[in-house]
Amino acid sequence: MSPEPISSELRQVLRALRLSPMLATLPERLVLARSRKMAHQDFLELVLSDEVSRRESVSAAAAPHTTEGCVAREAYVVQDSAVSWRPAIGANRVIFGA
């Protein structure tokens, strides 16, 4: 069985739901579903599980860079605001990271 083309209507729906990356594997998954005579629910679970895996891998790849940048900036903002908002408190009396 060869993969069938995906209709433009389905492409628009997937795009509207922000699921357009599924288009990369959907034709092959349709062929697999037909050859195994999968139930609709099983097919839906399969393609949605693929999307969850894809998002987790993208998220995991971006996480170390994102986390490092956020932590450093948050620490800087806390230090800066603690001293500048209350100038009556001396820097030696401000406790960071208690």
N, C-alpha and C. Protein backbone atom coordinates (compact mmCIF):
# COMPACT_ATOMS: atom_id res chain seq x y z
N MET A 1 0.83 -1.19 0.00
CA MET A 1 0.00 0.00 0.00
C MET A 1 0.87 1.25 0.00
N SER A 2 0.52 2.16 -0.83
CA SER A 2 1.27 3.42 -0.85
C SER A 2 0.48 4.48 -0.07
N PRO A 3 1.21 5.41 0.54
CA PRO A 3 0.53 6.46 1.31
C PRO A 3 -0.35 7.34 0.43
N GLU A 4 -1.53 7.66 0.94
CA GLU A 4 -2.40 8.57 0.19
C GLU A 4 -2.08 10.01 0.58
N PRO A 5 -2.36 10.92 -0.32
CA PRO A 5 -2.14 12.32 0.03
C PRO A 5 -3.14 12.78 1.10
N ILE A 6 -2.71 13.69 1.92
CA ILE A 6 -3.56 14.25 2.98
C ILE A 6 -4.36 15.40 2.37
N SER A 7 -5.65 15.42 2.65
CA SER A 7 -6.51 16.45 2.07
C SER A 7 -6.16 17.84 2.61
N SER A 8 -6.49 18.84 1.83
CA SER A 8 -6.21 20.21 2.26
C SER A 8 -7.07 20.58 3.47
N GLU A 9 -8.28 20.01 3.56
CA GLU A 9 -9.14 20.28 4.72
C GLU A 9 -8.50 19.76 6.00
N LEU A 10 -7.96 18.53 5.94
CA LEU A 10 -7.30 17.96 7.12
C LEU A 10 -6.05 18.77 7.47
N ARG A 11 -5.32 19.20 6.47
CA ARG A 11 -4.13 20.03 6.73
C ARG A 11 -4.52 21.31 7.46
N GLN A 12 -5.61 21.94 7.03
CA GLN A 12 -6.06 23.18 7.67
C GLN A 12 -6.49 22.93 9.12
N VAL A 13 -7.18 21.82 9.36
CA VAL A 13 -7.62 21.50 10.72
C VAL A 13 -6.41 21.24 11.62
N LEU A 14 -5.46 20.47 11.13
CA LEU A 14 -4.26 20.19 11.92
C LEU A 14 -3.48 21.47 12.20
N ARG A 15 -3.40 22.35 11.23
CA ARG A 15 -2.72 23.63 11.41
C ARG A 15 -3.43 24.48 12.46
N ALA A 16 -4.77 24.51 12.40
CA ALA A 16 -5.56 25.29 13.36
C ALA A 16 -5.37 24.78 14.78
N LEU A 17 -5.20 23.48 14.92
CA LEU A 17 -4.99 22.87 16.24
C LEU A 17 -3.51 22.82 16.64
N ARG A 18 -2.68 23.40 15.81
CA ARG A 18 -1.23 23.38 16.02
C ARG A 18 -0.67 21.96 16.07
N LEU A 19 -1.21 21.14 15.18
CA LEU A 19 -0.78 19.76 15.07
C LEU A 19 -0.17 19.46 13.69
N SER A 20 0.17 20.49 12.95
CA SER A 20 0.69 20.27 11.60
C SER A 20 1.97 19.44 11.55
N PRO A 21 2.80 19.38 12.61
CA PRO A 21 3.95 18.48 12.53
C PRO A 21 3.57 17.00 12.35
N MET A 22 2.32 16.66 12.68
CA MET A 22 1.85 15.29 12.49
C MET A 22 1.81 14.91 11.01
N LEU A 23 1.76 15.90 10.14
CA LEU A 23 1.69 15.64 8.70
C LEU A 23 2.91 14.87 8.19
N ALA A 24 4.02 14.97 8.90
CA ALA A 24 5.23 14.29 8.46
C ALA A 24 5.09 12.77 8.54
N THR A 25 4.36 12.27 9.53
CA THR A 25 4.24 10.81 9.71
C THR A 25 2.84 10.27 9.43
N LEU A 26 1.89 11.14 9.24
CA LEU A 26 0.50 10.70 9.09
C LEU A 26 0.28 9.74 7.91
N PRO A 27 0.80 9.98 6.72
CA PRO A 27 0.57 9.03 5.62
C PRO A 27 1.05 7.61 5.95
N GLU A 28 2.23 7.50 6.55
CA GLU A 28 2.76 6.17 6.91
C GLU A 28 1.92 5.53 7.99
N ARG A 29 1.44 6.33 8.94
CA ARG A 29 0.59 5.80 10.01
C ARG A 29 -0.75 5.33 9.46
N LEU A 30 -1.28 6.01 8.45
CA LEU A 30 -2.53 5.57 7.82
C LEU A 30 -2.34 4.22 7.14
N VAL A 31 -1.23 4.03 6.46
CA VAL A 31 -0.94 2.76 5.81
C VAL A 31 -0.83 1.65 6.86
N LEU A 32 -0.13 1.94 7.94
CA LEU A 32 0.02 0.97 9.02
C LEU A 32 -1.34 0.59 9.62
N ALA A 33 -2.17 1.59 9.85
CA ALA A 33 -3.49 1.36 10.43
C ALA A 33 -4.35 0.48 9.52
N ARG A 34 -4.28 0.74 8.24
CA ARG A 34 -5.09 -0.06 7.30
C ARG A 34 -4.57 -1.49 7.22
N SER A 35 -3.26 -1.65 7.19
CA SER A 35 -2.70 -3.00 7.08
C SER A 35 -2.97 -3.83 8.33
N ARG A 36 -3.02 -3.19 9.48
CA ARG A 36 -3.30 -3.90 10.74
C ARG A 36 -4.78 -3.89 11.09
N LYS A 37 -5.58 -3.24 10.26
CA LYS A 37 -7.02 -3.12 10.51
C LYS A 37 -7.29 -2.59 11.92
N MET A 38 -6.61 -1.50 12.23
CA MET A 38 -6.73 -0.89 13.57
C MET A 38 -8.08 -0.22 13.75
N ALA A 39 -8.56 -0.27 14.98
CA ALA A 39 -9.78 0.47 15.32
C ALA A 39 -9.47 1.97 15.29
N HIS A 40 -10.48 2.78 15.08
CA HIS A 40 -10.28 4.23 15.00
C HIS A 40 -9.62 4.77 16.27
N GLN A 41 -10.07 4.30 17.41
CA GLN A 41 -9.51 4.76 18.68
C GLN A 41 -8.03 4.40 18.80
N ASP A 42 -7.66 3.20 18.37
CA ASP A 42 -6.25 2.80 18.42
C ASP A 42 -5.39 3.65 17.49
N PHE A 43 -5.92 3.95 16.31
CA PHE A 43 -5.21 4.80 15.37
C PHE A 43 -5.01 6.20 15.94
N LEU A 44 -6.08 6.74 16.53
CA LEU A 44 -5.99 8.07 17.12
C LEU A 44 -4.97 8.08 18.25
N GLU A 45 -4.98 7.06 19.08
CA GLU A 45 -4.00 6.96 20.16
C GLU A 45 -2.58 6.90 19.61
N LEU A 46 -2.40 6.16 18.55
CA LEU A 46 -1.08 6.04 17.93
C LEU A 46 -0.54 7.38 17.44
N VAL A 47 -1.34 8.10 16.66
CA VAL A 47 -0.83 9.36 16.10
C VAL A 47 -0.68 10.43 17.18
N LEU A 48 -1.55 10.43 18.16
CA LEU A 48 -1.40 11.42 19.24
C LEU A 48 -0.21 11.08 20.14
N SER A 49 0.05 9.80 20.34
CA SER A 49 1.24 9.40 21.10
C SER A 49 2.52 9.82 20.37
N ASP A 50 2.50 9.69 19.04
CA ASP A 50 3.64 10.16 18.25
C ASP A 50 3.89 11.65 18.50
N GLU A 51 2.81 12.42 18.52
CA GLU A 51 2.94 13.87 18.71
C GLU A 51 3.43 14.20 20.11
N VAL A 52 2.95 13.48 21.11
CA VAL A 52 3.43 13.69 22.48
C VAL A 52 4.93 13.40 22.55
N SER A 53 5.36 12.31 21.96
CA SER A 53 6.79 11.96 21.96
C SER A 53 7.62 13.03 21.26
N ARG A 54 7.11 13.51 20.12
CA ARG A 54 7.83 14.54 19.38
C ARG A 54 7.97 15.81 20.22
N ARG A 55 6.90 16.23 20.88
CA ARG A 55 6.94 17.44 21.69
C ARG A 55 7.86 17.27 22.90
N GLU A 56 7.84 16.10 23.52
CA GLU A 56 8.72 15.86 24.66
C GLU A 56 10.18 15.91 24.24
N SER A 57 10.50 15.36 23.08
CA SER A 57 11.89 15.38 22.62
C SER A 57 12.33 16.80 22.27
N VAL A 58 11.44 17.58 21.68
CA VAL A 58 11.77 18.98 21.36
C VAL A 58 11.94 19.77 22.66
N SER A 59 11.06 19.54 23.61
CA SER A 59 11.10 20.24 24.89
C SER A 59 12.36 19.87 25.66
N ALA A 60 12.71 18.59 25.67
CA ALA A 60 13.91 18.14 26.39
C ALA A 60 15.17 18.71 25.76
N ALA A 61 15.18 18.84 24.45
CA ALA A 61 16.35 19.39 23.77
C ALA A 61 16.53 20.87 24.08
N ALA A 62 15.42 21.59 24.28
CA ALA A 62 15.49 23.03 24.54
C ALA A 62 15.61 23.34 26.02
N ALA A 63 15.27 22.42 26.89
CA ALA A 63 15.20 22.69 28.33
C ALA A 63 16.52 23.15 28.96
N PRO A 64 17.66 22.50 28.74
CA PRO A 64 18.87 22.96 29.44
C PRO A 64 19.23 24.41 29.13
N HIS A 65 19.14 24.81 27.88
CA HIS A 65 19.47 26.19 27.52
C HIS A 65 18.48 27.16 28.16
N THR A 66 17.21 26.86 28.05
CA THR A 66 16.16 27.73 28.59
C THR A 66 16.27 27.85 30.09
N THR A 67 16.46 26.73 30.78
CA THR A 67 16.52 26.72 32.24
C THR A 67 17.71 27.53 32.74
N GLU A 68 18.85 27.35 32.14
CA GLU A 68 20.04 28.07 32.60
C GLU A 68 19.84 29.58 32.47
N GLY A 69 19.30 30.02 31.36
CA GLY A 69 19.08 31.44 31.15
C GLY A 69 18.09 32.02 32.14
N CYS A 70 17.03 31.31 32.42
CA CYS A 70 16.01 31.81 33.35
C CYS A 70 16.52 31.88 34.77
N VAL A 71 17.23 30.88 35.19
CA VAL A 71 17.72 30.86 36.56
C VAL A 71 18.68 32.02 36.80
N ALA A 72 19.59 32.25 35.88
CA ALA A 72 20.54 33.33 36.05
C ALA A 72 19.84 34.68 36.08
N ARG A 73 18.89 34.89 35.22
CA ARG A 73 18.20 36.17 35.17
C ARG A 73 17.36 36.38 36.42
N GLU A 74 16.68 35.34 36.89
CA GLU A 74 15.84 35.45 38.07
C GLU A 74 16.69 35.82 39.29
N ALA A 75 17.84 35.19 39.42
CA ALA A 75 18.71 35.49 40.55
C ALA A 75 19.17 36.94 40.49
N TYR A 76 19.48 37.43 39.29
CA TYR A 76 19.93 38.81 39.14
C TYR A 76 18.81 39.79 39.50
N VAL A 77 17.61 39.52 39.03
CA VAL A 77 16.48 40.41 39.29
C VAL A 77 16.19 40.48 40.78
N VAL A 78 16.22 39.34 41.45
CA VAL A 78 15.96 39.32 42.90
C VAL A 78 17.02 40.13 43.63
N GLN A 79 18.27 39.92 43.31
CA GLN A 79 19.35 40.67 43.97
C GLN A 79 19.18 42.16 43.73
N ASP A 80 18.99 42.54 42.49
CA ASP A 80 18.90 43.94 42.12
C ASP A 80 17.72 44.61 42.80
N SER A 81 16.54 43.98 42.79
CA SER A 81 15.36 44.62 43.35
C SER A 81 15.41 44.68 44.87
N ALA A 82 16.01 43.70 45.50
CA ALA A 82 16.06 43.69 46.97
C ALA A 82 16.87 44.87 47.49
N VAL A 83 17.91 45.24 46.80
CA VAL A 83 18.75 46.34 47.25
C VAL A 83 18.18 47.69 46.81
N SER A 84 17.70 47.81 45.59
CA SER A 84 17.29 49.11 45.08
C SER A 84 15.90 49.53 45.57
N TRP A 85 15.02 48.61 45.89
CA TRP A 85 13.69 49.00 46.33
C TRP A 85 13.68 49.49 47.77
N ARG A 86 14.58 49.03 48.57
CA ARG A 86 14.66 49.45 49.97
C ARG A 86 16.07 49.94 50.27
N PRO A 87 16.35 51.14 49.86
CA PRO A 87 17.71 51.65 50.05
C PRO A 87 18.10 51.79 51.52
N ALA A 88 17.11 51.82 52.43
CA ALA A 88 17.43 51.93 53.85
C ALA A 88 18.07 50.65 54.38
N ILE A 89 17.82 49.54 53.70
CA ILE A 89 18.44 48.29 54.13
C ILE A 89 19.81 48.20 53.49
N GLY A 90 20.81 48.06 54.27
CA GLY A 90 22.17 47.95 53.74
C GLY A 90 22.38 46.63 53.05
N ALA A 91 23.25 46.61 52.10
CA ALA A 91 23.53 45.40 51.33
C ALA A 91 24.02 44.28 52.24
N ASN A 92 24.68 44.62 53.34
CA ASN A 92 25.18 43.59 54.23
C ASN A 92 24.06 42.93 55.04
N ARG A 93 22.85 43.53 55.08
CA ARG A 93 21.71 42.97 55.83
C ARG A 93 20.75 42.19 54.94
N VAL A 94 20.93 42.26 53.64
CA VAL A 94 20.05 41.55 52.72
C VAL A 94 20.55 40.12 52.59
N ILE A 95 19.62 39.15 52.77
CA ILE A 95 19.97 37.74 52.69
C ILE A 95 19.44 37.20 51.37
N PHE A 96 20.34 36.69 50.54
CA PHE A 96 19.96 36.13 49.25
C PHE A 96 19.98 34.61 49.36
N GLY A 97 18.96 34.01 48.75
CA GLY A 97 18.92 32.55 48.67
C GLY A 97 18.80 31.88 50.02
N ALA A 98 18.02 32.44 50.92
CA ALA A 98 17.85 31.86 52.26
C ALA A 98 17.24 30.52 52.11
